[in-house]
Amino acid sequence: MYEDIFNRNRSKLVKILAQYLPDYPEKERLTDLIGIKLVDDLNKKLAIGAGPENQPSDDLIYEFGKYVHRISVSLYGFFRRDRAQDLPKFYRTILLVGAGFSVQSGVPLLRHLEALRDVLQVKSFQEIHDNKDLDQKFKKMFKEDILGREIVKTTKAHEIAAKMFHRKVIIEIISLNWDDLLEKAYSKYGEIPKINREDNNATDYDSDGFNHYLWKLHGDSEDPEYEWIYPEMKERVFSSFSSYMPKLMEHPHIFLVVGYSEIEDDVKKKIISLFEKAWSKYTFRIGLDLGLFDKYRQNYIVAPAEWLLPLFFEGIKES
């Protein structure tokens, strides 16, 4: 029922969103994301007999306006009340990125990875992981058929992350992705220092005592011989990073979690929760996951990383 109402009123809803978020870069995309969520919520209420008090179309428009207002308040608080753009001038940043960080580059999310899995005629990623031949075939397909496509490009988010990492404004990048887009974005500065295996030795990379690495915890398209963490598998945090955590937590840092679903427990328990407990004021989540926005209303910013990260770091002057 509400699907049809949303489709009929979509142009009106885009205009409502534009009134609240005039500078937002992808208004139609956000309208659709909110619409999908509200249609599902309202249909569920209808199914249990909790029908709308007003006309269904008025009900949807009203709920849409309320939701967009909450998102706009969150963005306003991020940029004005909390003066987020001033923070990188005083505190260095630790960046954790998940699949959503690279999705605008053309790197697929899970449903598209499942298509690669189906090519190998198996029912689970665990089967691929447990079979060396299938494992190597999948990694080759990912590198050639996904990363090798012309449409897969670095975004402004990759570029600004690489630039800030080079300038040591970002002191560590924790990546849960297999792709090599951060490496490509950093290539103008040289070869990015990274840890992509449990047995890699992390040594102080700078006189400030921090390692300054790109930590590829779940696998690396540049290292197909090492174990990748596939969907449905337990996440992995290198013991060397866990040992490094106390050093990172000695002083306040900004902690940005970008495009990560937080479905699994290991990364959340061993990294995110610890940072958040220590520096809740400086912990921000960035992405387009409205479920996480509902859960972490105080520090989840609904925005694409390729728009928000350049704004976040714009106060850092060129040296």
C-alpha atoms as a PDB file:
ATOM      1  CA  MET A   1       0.000   0.000   0.000  1.00  0.00           C
ATOM      2  CA  TYR A   2       2.546   2.588   1.109  1.00  0.00           C
ATOM      3  CA  GLU A   3       4.877   1.737  -1.778  1.00  0.00           C
ATOM      4  CA  ASP A   4       2.364   3.224  -4.221  1.00  0.00           C
ATOM      5  CA  ILE A   5       1.795   6.245  -1.991  1.00  0.00           C
ATOM      6  CA  PHE A   6       5.541   6.873  -1.819  1.00  0.00           C
ATOM      7  CA  ASN A   7       5.946   6.566  -5.595  1.00  0.00           C
ATOM      8  CA  ARG A   8       3.075   8.991  -6.239  1.00  0.00           C
ATOM      9  CA  ASN A   9       4.485  11.546  -3.797  1.00  0.00           C
ATOM     10  CA  ARG A  10       8.193  11.082  -4.451  1.00  0.00           C
ATOM     11  CA  SER A  11       8.773  14.442  -6.155  1.00  0.00           C
ATOM     12  CA  LYS A  12       6.976  16.212  -3.303  1.00  0.00           C
ATOM     13  CA  LEU A  13       9.132  14.373  -0.751  1.00  0.00           C
ATOM     14  CA  VAL A  14      12.331  15.367  -2.570  1.00  0.00           C
ATOM     15  CA  LYS A  15      11.224  19.005  -2.280  1.00  0.00           C
ATOM     16  CA  ILE A  16      10.524  18.568   1.438  1.00  0.00           C
ATOM     17  CA  LEU A  17      14.002  17.135   1.939  1.00  0.00           C
ATOM     18  CA  ALA A  18      15.515  20.026  -0.037  1.00  0.00           C
ATOM     19  CA  GLN A  19      13.835  22.518   2.316  1.00  0.00           C
ATOM     20  CA  TYR A  20      15.507  20.921   5.336  1.00  0.00           C
ATOM     21  CA  LEU A  21      18.824  20.026   3.635  1.00  0.00           C
ATOM     22  CA  PRO A  22      19.405  22.534   0.817  1.00  0.00           C
ATOM     23  CA  ASP A  23      23.133  21.766   0.529  1.00  0.00           C
ATOM     24  CA  TYR A  24      22.814  17.986   0.709  1.00  0.00           C
ATOM     25  CA  PRO A  25      24.451  16.478  -2.414  1.00  0.00           C
ATOM     26  CA  GLU A  26      22.257  13.439  -3.147  1.00  0.00           C
ATOM     27  CA  LYS A  27      18.729  14.442  -2.266  1.00  0.00           C
ATOM     28  CA  GLU A  28      16.957  11.840  -4.395  1.00  0.00           C
ATOM     29  CA  ARG A  29      19.135   9.033  -3.076  1.00  0.00           C
ATOM     30  CA  LEU A  30      18.422  10.008   0.531  1.00  0.00           C
ATOM     31  CA  THR A  31      14.716  10.431  -0.244  1.00  0.00           C
ATOM     32  CA  ASP A  32      14.603   6.861  -1.527  1.00  0.00           C
ATOM     33  CA  LEU A  33      16.470   5.493   1.495  1.00  0.00           C
ATOM     34  CA  ILE A  34      14.092   7.208   3.902  1.00  0.00           C
ATOM     35  CA  GLY A  35      11.133   6.144   1.782  1.00  0.00           C
ATOM     36  CA  ILE A  36      12.141   2.474   1.883  1.00  0.00           C
ATOM     37  CA  LYS A  37      12.423   2.617   5.669  1.00  0.00           C
ATOM     38  CA  LEU A  38       9.141   4.444   6.243  1.00  0.00           C
ATOM     39  CA  VAL A  39       7.198   2.294   3.774  1.00  0.00           C
ATOM     40  CA  ASP A  40       8.387  -0.808   5.625  1.00  0.00           C
ATOM     41  CA  ASP A  41       7.574   0.677   9.053  1.00  0.00           C
ATOM     42  CA  LEU A  42       4.123   1.896   8.045  1.00  0.00           C
ATOM     43  CA  ASN A  43       3.204  -1.329   6.259  1.00  0.00           C
ATOM     44  CA  LYS A  44       4.119  -3.276   9.387  1.00  0.00           C
ATOM     45  CA  LYS A  45       1.856  -1.061  11.492  1.00  0.00           C
ATOM     46  CA  LEU A  46      -0.921  -1.546   8.993  1.00  0.00           C
ATOM     47  CA  ALA A  47      -0.471  -5.317   9.125  1.00  0.00           C
ATOM     48  CA  ILE A  48      -1.080  -5.411  12.897  1.00  0.00           C
ATOM     49  CA  GLY A  49      -4.118  -3.158  12.668  1.00  0.00           C
ATOM     50  CA  ALA A  50      -2.401   0.051  13.755  1.00  0.00           C
ATOM     51  CA  GLY A  51      -3.660   2.116  10.850  1.00  0.00           C
ATOM     52  CA  PRO A  52      -2.923   5.799  10.324  1.00  0.00           C
ATOM     53  CA  GLU A  53      -4.870   8.484  12.146  1.00  0.00           C
ATOM     54  CA  ASN A  54      -4.951  10.611   9.005  1.00  0.00           C
ATOM     55  CA  GLN A  55      -5.148   9.803   5.304  1.00  0.00           C
ATOM     56  CA  PRO A  56      -2.330   7.356   4.412  1.00  0.00           C
ATOM     57  CA  SER A  57      -0.658   9.846   2.056  1.00  0.00           C
ATOM     58  CA  ASP A  58      -0.725  12.560   4.726  1.00  0.00           C
ATOM     59  CA  ASP A  59       0.629  10.049   7.218  1.00  0.00           C
ATOM     60  CA  LEU A  60       3.609   9.178   5.015  1.00  0.00           C
ATOM     61  CA  ILE A  61       4.401  12.829   4.253  1.00  0.00           C
ATOM     62  CA  TYR A  62       4.182  13.720   7.946  1.00  0.00           C
ATOM     63  CA  GLU A  63       6.487  10.871   9.004  1.00  0.00           C
ATOM     64  CA  PHE A  64       8.906  11.729   6.195  1.00  0.00           C
ATOM     65  CA  GLY A  65       9.107  15.344   7.356  1.00  0.00           C
ATOM     66  CA  LYS A  66       9.762  14.270  10.949  1.00  0.00           C
ATOM     67  CA  TYR A  67      12.530  11.914   9.895  1.00  0.00           C
ATOM     68  CA  VAL A  68      14.252  14.432   7.624  1.00  0.00           C
ATOM     69  CA  HIS A  69      14.118  16.981  10.435  1.00  0.00           C
ATOM     70  CA  ARG A  70      15.952  14.560  12.742  1.00  0.00           C
ATOM     71  CA  ILE A  71      18.653  14.052  10.108  1.00  0.00           C
ATOM     72  CA  SER A  72      19.004  17.802   9.581  1.00  0.00           C
ATOM     73  CA  VAL A  73      19.305  18.406  13.334  1.00  0.00           C
ATOM     74  CA  SER A  74      22.045  15.770  13.487  1.00  0.00           C
ATOM     75  CA  LEU A  75      23.955  17.408  10.631  1.00  0.00           C
ATOM     76  CA  TYR A  76      23.492  20.855  12.129  1.00  0.00           C
ATOM     77  CA  GLY A  77      24.795  19.647  15.465  1.00  0.00           C
ATOM     78  CA  PHE A  78      27.801  18.050  13.802  1.00  0.00           C
ATOM     79  CA  PHE A  79      28.838  21.168  11.907  1.00  0.00           C
ATOM     80  CA  ARG A  80      27.666  23.932  14.239  1.00  0.00           C
ATOM     81  CA  ARG A  81      27.076  22.908  17.824  1.00  0.00           C
ATOM     82  CA  ASP A  82      29.999  20.481  18.037  1.00  0.00           C
ATOM     83  CA  ARG A  83      32.193  22.527  15.662  1.00  0.00           C
ATOM     84  CA  ALA A  84      33.364  19.288  14.098  1.00  0.00           C
ATOM     85  CA  GLN A  85      35.423  21.104  11.486  1.00  0.00           C
ATOM     86  CA  ASP A  86      37.592  22.587  14.239  1.00  0.00           C
ATOM     87  CA  LEU A  87      38.389  19.236  15.837  1.00  0.00           C
ATOM     88  CA  PRO A  88      41.053  18.054  13.346  1.00  0.00           C
ATOM     89  CA  LYS A  89      43.033  21.226  14.102  1.00  0.00           C
ATOM     90  CA  PHE A  90      43.514  20.080  17.692  1.00  0.00           C
ATOM     91  CA  TYR A  91      43.138  16.282  17.671  1.00  0.00           C
ATOM     92  CA  ARG A  92      44.475  13.727  15.280  1.00  0.00           C
ATOM     93  CA  THR A  93      42.122  11.186  13.735  1.00  0.00           C
ATOM     94  CA  ILE A  94      41.779   7.414  13.639  1.00  0.00           C
ATOM     95  CA  LEU A  95      39.676   6.264  10.696  1.00  0.00           C
ATOM     96  CA  LEU A  96      37.837   2.933  10.431  1.00  0.00           C
ATOM     97  CA  VAL A  97      36.230   2.134   7.082  1.00  0.00           C
ATOM     98  CA  GLY A  98      33.777  -0.551   6.024  1.00  0.00           C
ATOM     99  CA  ALA A  99      32.161  -1.514   2.732  1.00  0.00           C
ATOM    100  CA  GLY A 100      30.073   1.670   2.562  1.00  0.00           C
ATOM    101  CA  PHE A 101      33.276   3.700   2.236  1.00  0.00           C
ATOM    102  CA  SER A 102      33.947   2.233  -1.217  1.00  0.00           C
ATOM    103  CA  VAL A 103      30.445   1.639  -2.547  1.00  0.00           C
ATOM    104  CA  GLN A 104      30.377   4.954  -4.458  1.00  0.00           C
ATOM    105  CA  SER A 105      33.596   3.846  -6.157  1.00  0.00           C
ATOM    106  CA  GLY A 106      31.756   0.983  -7.805  1.00  0.00           C
ATOM    107  CA  VAL A 107      32.921  -1.719  -5.378  1.00  0.00           C
ATOM    108  CA  PRO A 108      29.931  -3.979  -4.640  1.00  0.00           C
ATOM    109  CA  LEU A 109      28.169  -4.665  -1.396  1.00  0.00           C
ATOM    110  CA  LEU A 110      27.239  -8.166  -0.240  1.00  0.00           C
ATOM    111  CA  ARG A 111      24.402  -8.824  -2.692  1.00  0.00           C
ATOM    112  CA  HIS A 112      26.770  -8.311  -5.616  1.00  0.00           C
ATOM    113  CA  LEU A 113      29.498 -10.416  -4.041  1.00  0.00           C
ATOM    114  CA  GLU A 114      26.929 -13.178  -3.825  1.00  0.00           C
ATOM    115  CA  ALA A 115      26.728 -13.094  -7.624  1.00  0.00           C
ATOM    116  CA  LEU A 116      30.464 -13.861  -7.785  1.00  0.00           C
ATOM    117  CA  ARG A 117      29.932 -16.656  -5.291  1.00  0.00           C
ATOM    118  CA  ASP A 118      27.160 -18.107  -7.445  1.00  0.00           C
ATOM    119  CA  VAL A 119      29.496 -18.221 -10.444  1.00  0.00           C
ATOM    120  CA  LEU A 120      31.543 -20.739  -8.479  1.00  0.00           C
ATOM    121  CA  GLN A 121      28.348 -22.759  -7.878  1.00  0.00           C
ATOM    122  CA  VAL A 122      28.605 -22.882  -4.106  1.00  0.00           C
ATOM    123  CA  LYS A 123      26.005 -21.975  -1.509  1.00  0.00           C
ATOM    124  CA  SER A 124      28.179 -20.239   1.079  1.00  0.00           C
ATOM    125  CA  PHE A 125      31.307 -18.136   1.341  1.00  0.00           C
ATOM    126  CA  GLN A 126      32.588 -20.601   3.922  1.00  0.00           C
ATOM    127  CA  GLU A 127      32.849 -23.209   1.149  1.00  0.00           C
ATOM    128  CA  ILE A 128      35.021 -20.825  -0.842  1.00  0.00           C
ATOM    129  CA  HIS A 129      37.195 -20.114   2.178  1.00  0.00           C
ATOM    130  CA  ASP A 130      37.695 -23.819   2.909  1.00  0.00           C
ATOM    131  CA  ASN A 131      38.651 -24.756  -0.660  1.00  0.00           C
ATOM    132  CA  LYS A 132      41.988 -23.304  -1.791  1.00  0.00           C
ATOM    133  CA  ASP A 133      41.154 -23.585  -5.476  1.00  0.00           C
ATOM    134  CA  LEU A 134      37.791 -21.837  -5.092  1.00  0.00           C
ATOM    135  CA  ASP A 135      39.385 -19.276  -2.794  1.00  0.00           C
ATOM    136  CA  GLN A 136      41.966 -18.299  -5.409  1.00  0.00           C
ATOM    137  CA  LYS A 137      39.353 -18.221  -8.186  1.00  0.00           C
ATOM    138  CA  PHE A 138      37.120 -15.899  -6.158  1.00  0.00           C
ATOM    139  CA  LYS A 139      39.993 -13.551  -5.321  1.00  0.00           C
ATOM    140  CA  LYS A 140      41.016 -13.438  -8.964  1.00  0.00           C
ATOM    141  CA  MET A 141      37.439 -12.645 -10.040  1.00  0.00           C
ATOM    142  CA  PHE A 142      37.180  -9.909  -7.423  1.00  0.00           C
ATOM    143  CA  LYS A 143      40.400  -8.279  -8.576  1.00  0.00           C
ATOM    144  CA  GLU A 144      39.821  -8.624 -12.314  1.00  0.00           C
ATOM    145  CA  ASP A 145      36.032  -8.494 -12.682  1.00  0.00           C
ATOM    146  CA  ILE A 146      35.322  -5.967  -9.917  1.00  0.00           C
ATOM    147  CA  LEU A 147      38.381  -3.807  -9.258  1.00  0.00           C
ATOM    148  CA  GLY A 148      39.475  -4.097 -12.886  1.00  0.00           C
ATOM    149  CA  ARG A 149      36.363  -2.404 -14.269  1.00  0.00           C
ATOM    150  CA  GLU A 150      36.788   1.089 -15.673  1.00  0.00           C
ATOM    151  CA  ILE A 151      33.944   2.405 -13.523  1.00  0.00           C
ATOM    152  CA  VAL A 152      35.792   1.570 -10.286  1.00  0.00           C
ATOM    153  CA  LYS A 153      37.525   4.798  -9.292  1.00  0.00           C
ATOM    154  CA  THR A 154      38.773   6.404  -6.118  1.00  0.00           C
ATOM    155  CA  THR A 155      36.365   8.973  -4.678  1.00  0.00           C
ATOM    156  CA  LYS A 156      36.930  12.259  -2.875  1.00  0.00           C
ATOM    157  CA  ALA A 157      36.669  10.257   0.354  1.00  0.00           C
ATOM    158  CA  HIS A 158      39.637   8.083  -0.629  1.00  0.00           C
ATOM    159  CA  GLU A 159      41.592  11.117  -1.809  1.00  0.00           C
ATOM    160  CA  ILE A 160      41.074  13.168   1.357  1.00  0.00           C
ATOM    161  CA  ALA A 161      41.765  10.143   3.579  1.00  0.00           C
ATOM    162  CA  ALA A 162      45.030   9.474   1.727  1.00  0.00           C
ATOM    163  CA  LYS A 163      46.021  13.146   1.903  1.00  0.00           C
ATOM    164  CA  MET A 164      45.286  13.448   5.625  1.00  0.00           C
ATOM    165  CA  PHE A 165      47.074  10.159   6.291  1.00  0.00           C
ATOM    166  CA  HIS A 166      50.136  11.398   4.416  1.00  0.00           C
ATOM    167  CA  ARG A 167      50.103  14.589   6.487  1.00  0.00           C
ATOM    168  CA  LYS A 168      49.606  12.551   9.686  1.00  0.00           C
ATOM    169  CA  VAL A 169      46.349  14.303  10.503  1.00  0.00           C
ATOM    170  CA  ILE A 170      44.913  10.783  10.285  1.00  0.00           C
ATOM    171  CA  ILE A 171      47.360   8.627  12.222  1.00  0.00           C
ATOM    172  CA  GLU A 172      45.891   5.181  11.525  1.00  0.00           C
ATOM    173  CA  ILE A 173      43.420   3.784   8.983  1.00  0.00           C
ATOM    174  CA  ILE A 174      41.628   0.544   9.869  1.00  0.00           C
ATOM    175  CA  SER A 175      40.144  -0.998   6.739  1.00  0.00           C
ATOM    176  CA  LEU A 176      37.721  -3.909   6.650  1.00  0.00           C
ATOM    177  CA  ASN A 177      37.721  -3.906   2.842  1.00  0.00           C
ATOM    178  CA  TRP A 178      39.670  -5.985   0.325  1.00  0.00           C
ATOM    179  CA  ASP A 179      39.942  -3.295  -2.344  1.00  0.00           C
ATOM    180  CA  ASP A 180      43.078  -1.298  -3.122  1.00  0.00           C
ATOM    181  CA  LEU A 181      41.478   2.129  -3.565  1.00  0.00           C
ATOM    182  CA  LEU A 182      43.164   3.724  -0.565  1.00  0.00           C
ATOM    183  CA  GLU A 183      46.487   2.441  -1.853  1.00  0.00           C
ATOM    184  CA  LYS A 184      45.779   3.972  -5.268  1.00  0.00           C
ATOM    185  CA  ALA A 185      44.714   7.282  -3.739  1.00  0.00           C
ATOM    186  CA  TYR A 186      47.919   7.381  -1.684  1.00  0.00           C
ATOM    187  CA  SER A 187      50.205   6.457  -4.610  1.00  0.00           C
ATOM    188  CA  LYS A 188      50.905  10.130  -5.435  1.00  0.00           C
ATOM    189  CA  TYR A 189      52.780  10.303  -2.118  1.00  0.00           C
ATOM    190  CA  GLY A 190      54.567   6.972  -2.502  1.00  0.00           C
ATOM    191  CA  GLU A 191      53.741   3.491  -1.251  1.00  0.00           C
ATOM    192  CA  ILE A 192      51.340   3.457   1.666  1.00  0.00           C
ATOM    193  CA  PRO A 193      52.706   1.721   4.790  1.00  0.00           C
ATOM    194  CA  LYS A 194      50.337  -1.081   5.720  1.00  0.00           C
ATOM    195  CA  ILE A 195      49.826  -4.170   7.820  1.00  0.00           C
ATOM    196  CA  ASN A 196      47.826  -6.804   5.959  1.00  0.00           C
ATOM    197  CA  ARG A 197      48.881  -9.995   7.769  1.00  0.00           C
ATOM    198  CA  GLU A 198      48.800 -11.122  11.364  1.00  0.00           C
ATOM    199  CA  ASP A 199      52.523 -11.848  11.288  1.00  0.00           C
ATOM    200  CA  ASN A 200      53.580  -8.487   9.811  1.00  0.00           C
ATOM    201  CA  ASN A 201      55.786  -6.658  12.261  1.00  0.00           C
ATOM    202  CA  ALA A 202      54.411  -3.234  13.195  1.00  0.00           C
ATOM    203  CA  THR A 203      57.164  -0.834  14.218  1.00  0.00           C
ATOM    204  CA  ASP A 204      57.031   2.851  15.040  1.00  0.00           C
ATOM    205  CA  TYR A 205      56.839   4.645  11.724  1.00  0.00           C
ATOM    206  CA  ASP A 206      57.306   8.152  13.100  1.00  0.00           C
ATOM    207  CA  SER A 207      59.060   9.946  15.909  1.00  0.00           C
ATOM    208  CA  ASP A 208      55.730  10.613  17.613  1.00  0.00           C
ATOM    209  CA  GLY A 209      55.547   6.943  18.613  1.00  0.00           C
ATOM    210  CA  PHE A 210      52.537   6.030  16.473  1.00  0.00           C
ATOM    211  CA  ASN A 211      52.688   3.313  13.831  1.00  0.00           C
ATOM    212  CA  HIS A 212      50.992   5.221  10.986  1.00  0.00           C
ATOM    213  CA  TYR A 213      49.704   2.211   9.056  1.00  0.00           C
ATOM    214  CA  LEU A 214      46.825   1.214   6.879  1.00  0.00           C
ATOM    215  CA  TRP A 215      45.579  -1.874   8.713  1.00  0.00           C
ATOM    216  CA  LYS A 216      43.897  -4.301   6.281  1.00  0.00           C
ATOM    217  CA  LEU A 217      42.278  -6.598   8.829  1.00  0.00           C
ATOM    218  CA  HIS A 218      40.015  -8.661   6.568  1.00  0.00           C
ATOM    219  CA  GLY A 219      42.197  -9.240   3.534  1.00  0.00           C
ATOM    220  CA  ASP A 220      43.931  -7.440   0.726  1.00  0.00           C
ATOM    221  CA  SER A 221      43.422  -7.671  -3.038  1.00  0.00           C
ATOM    222  CA  GLU A 222      47.172  -7.110  -3.339  1.00  0.00           C
ATOM    223  CA  ASP A 223      47.840 -10.205  -1.228  1.00  0.00           C
ATOM    224  CA  PRO A 224      45.637 -13.072  -2.491  1.00  0.00           C
ATOM    225  CA  GLU A 225      47.762 -15.725  -0.780  1.00  0.00           C
ATOM    226  CA  TYR A 226      46.743 -14.587   2.687  1.00  0.00           C
ATOM    227  CA  GLU A 227      43.411 -15.487   4.272  1.00  0.00           C
ATOM    228  CA  TRP A 228      40.495 -13.184   3.512  1.00  0.00           C
ATOM    229  CA  ILE A 229      37.573 -12.816   5.877  1.00  0.00           C
ATOM    230  CA  TYR A 230      34.484 -13.534   3.797  1.00  0.00           C
ATOM    231  CA  PRO A 231      30.887 -12.512   4.503  1.00  0.00           C
ATOM    232  CA  GLU A 232      29.268 -14.752   7.127  1.00  0.00           C
ATOM    233  CA  MET A 233      32.659 -15.434   8.767  1.00  0.00           C
ATOM    234  CA  LYS A 234      33.815 -14.169  12.147  1.00  0.00           C
ATOM    235  CA  GLU A 235      35.670 -10.902  11.875  1.00  0.00           C
ATOM    236  CA  ARG A 236      39.383 -10.604  12.564  1.00  0.00           C
ATOM    237  CA  VAL A 237      41.405  -8.101  14.555  1.00  0.00           C
ATOM    238  CA  PHE A 238      45.154  -8.618  14.419  1.00  0.00           C
ATOM    239  CA  SER A 239      46.735  -9.244  17.811  1.00  0.00           C
ATOM    240  CA  SER A 240      49.339  -6.607  16.928  1.00  0.00           C
ATOM    241  CA  PHE A 241      46.567  -4.016  16.652  1.00  0.00           C
ATOM    242  CA  SER A 242      44.975  -5.126  19.916  1.00  0.00           C
ATOM    243  CA  SER A 243      48.380  -4.713  21.576  1.00  0.00           C
ATOM    244  CA  TYR A 244      48.646  -1.257  20.030  1.00  0.00           C
ATOM    245  CA  MET A 245      45.256  -0.110  21.340  1.00  0.00           C
ATOM    246  CA  PRO A 246      46.486   1.051  24.798  1.00  0.00           C
ATOM    247  CA  LYS A 247      49.011   3.327  23.091  1.00  0.00           C
ATOM    248  CA  LEU A 248      46.284   4.819  20.887  1.00  0.00           C
ATOM    249  CA  MET A 249      44.034   5.396  23.889  1.00  0.00           C
ATOM    250  CA  GLU A 250      46.586   7.301  25.955  1.00  0.00           C
ATOM    251  CA  HIS A 251      45.461  10.624  24.498  1.00  0.00           C
ATOM    252  CA  PRO A 252      42.181  11.802  22.957  1.00  0.00           C
ATOM    253  CA  HIS A 253      41.807  11.305  19.226  1.00  0.00           C
ATOM    254  CA  ILE A 254      38.915  11.786  16.855  1.00  0.00           C
ATOM    255  CA  PHE A 255      37.513   8.386  15.917  1.00  0.00           C
ATOM    256  CA  LEU A 256      35.594   8.198  12.632  1.00  0.00           C
ATOM    257  CA  VAL A 257      33.676   5.049  11.665  1.00  0.00           C
ATOM    258  CA  VAL A 258      32.691   5.337   8.017  1.00  0.00           C
ATOM    259  CA  GLY A 259      30.441   3.009   6.041  1.00  0.00           C
ATOM    260  CA  TYR A 260      30.554   0.115   8.496  1.00  0.00           C
ATOM    261  CA  SER A 261      27.446  -1.938   9.294  1.00  0.00           C
ATOM    262  CA  GLU A 262      28.575  -3.071  12.781  1.00  0.00           C
ATOM    263  CA  ILE A 263      26.778  -6.381  12.296  1.00  0.00           C
ATOM    264  CA  GLU A 264      29.553  -8.534  13.752  1.00  0.00           C
ATOM    265  CA  ASP A 265      30.924  -8.389  17.287  1.00  0.00           C
ATOM    266  CA  ASP A 266      34.708  -8.695  17.057  1.00  0.00           C
ATOM    267  CA  VAL A 267      35.597  -5.336  15.514  1.00  0.00           C
ATOM    268  CA  LYS A 268      32.905  -3.629  17.553  1.00  0.00           C
ATOM    269  CA  LYS A 269      34.033  -5.202  20.829  1.00  0.00           C
ATOM    270  CA  LYS A 270      37.813  -4.990  20.320  1.00  0.00           C
ATOM    271  CA  ILE A 271      38.023  -1.606  18.614  1.00  0.00           C
ATOM    272  CA  ILE A 272      34.886   0.535  18.318  1.00  0.00           C
ATOM    273  CA  SER A 273      33.468   0.049  21.815  1.00  0.00           C
ATOM    274  CA  LEU A 274      36.833   0.727  23.440  1.00  0.00           C
ATOM    275  CA  PHE A 275      37.405   3.947  21.529  1.00  0.00           C
ATOM    276  CA  GLU A 276      33.815   5.031  22.051  1.00  0.00           C
ATOM    277  CA  LYS A 277      33.999   4.426  25.772  1.00  0.00           C
ATOM    278  CA  ALA A 278      37.210   6.437  26.045  1.00  0.00           C
ATOM    279  CA  TRP A 279      36.323   9.270  23.658  1.00  0.00           C
ATOM    280  CA  SER A 280      32.547   9.327  23.220  1.00  0.00           C
ATOM    281  CA  LYS A 281      32.640  13.078  22.572  1.00  0.00           C
ATOM    282  CA  TYR A 282      35.017  12.587  19.643  1.00  0.00           C
ATOM    283  CA  THR A 283      33.476   9.430  18.128  1.00  0.00           C
ATOM    284  CA  PHE A 284      31.419   9.892  14.977  1.00  0.00           C
ATOM    285  CA  ARG A 285      29.762   7.416  12.637  1.00  0.00           C
ATOM    286  CA  ILE A 286      29.251   8.456   9.019  1.00  0.00           C
ATOM    287  CA  GLY A 287      27.145   6.620   6.468  1.00  0.00           C
ATOM    288  CA  LEU A 288      23.724   6.006   4.969  1.00  0.00           C
ATOM    289  CA  ASP A 289      22.492   3.247   7.271  1.00  0.00           C
ATOM    290  CA  LEU A 290      19.244   4.531   8.753  1.00  0.00           C
ATOM    291  CA  GLY A 291      19.062   1.592  11.146  1.00  0.00           C
ATOM    292  CA  LEU A 292      22.336   2.718  12.706  1.00  0.00           C
ATOM    293  CA  PHE A 293      21.117   6.320  12.695  1.00  0.00           C
ATOM    294  CA  ASP A 294      18.104   5.255  14.752  1.00  0.00           C
ATOM    295  CA  LYS A 295      20.392   3.366  17.133  1.00  0.00           C
ATOM    296  CA  TYR A 296      23.198   5.923  17.473  1.00  0.00           C
ATOM    297  CA  ARG A 297      21.276   9.160  17.078  1.00  0.00           C
ATOM    298  CA  GLN A 298      23.801  11.238  18.999  1.00  0.00           C
ATOM    299  CA  ASN A 299      26.823  10.463  16.869  1.00  0.00           C
ATOM    300  CA  TYR A 300      25.620   8.997  13.564  1.00  0.00           C
ATOM    301  CA  ILE A 301      25.777  11.445  10.655  1.00  0.00           C
ATOM    302  CA  VAL A 302      23.615  10.476   7.676  1.00  0.00           C
ATOM    303  CA  ALA A 303      25.747  11.570   4.728  1.00  0.00           C
ATOM    304  CA  PRO A 304      27.918  10.118   1.946  1.00  0.00           C
ATOM    305  CA  ALA A 305      31.578  10.003   2.935  1.00  0.00           C
ATOM    306  CA  GLU A 306      32.746  11.571  -0.326  1.00  0.00           C
ATOM    307  CA  TRP A 307      30.805  14.726   0.627  1.00  0.00           C
ATOM    308  CA  LEU A 308      31.288  14.825   4.395  1.00  0.00           C
ATOM    309  CA  LEU A 309      34.972  13.926   4.810  1.00  0.00           C
ATOM    310  CA  PRO A 310      36.291  16.801   2.660  1.00  0.00           C
ATOM    311  CA  LEU A 311      34.097  19.186   4.678  1.00  0.00           C
ATOM    312  CA  PHE A 312      35.317  17.672   7.942  1.00  0.00           C
ATOM    313  CA  PHE A 313      38.973  18.221   7.083  1.00  0.00           C
ATOM    314  CA  GLU A 314      38.606  21.521   5.206  1.00  0.00           C
ATOM    315  CA  GLY A 315      39.927  23.503   8.192  1.00  0.00           C
ATOM    316  CA  ILE A 316      43.353  21.876   7.879  1.00  0.00           C
ATOM    317  CA  LYS A 317      45.536  24.366   6.049  1.00  0.00           C
ATOM    318  CA  GLU A 318      48.020  23.352   3.407  1.00  0.00           C
ATOM    319  CA  SER A 319      51.557  23.255   4.718  1.00  0.00           C
END
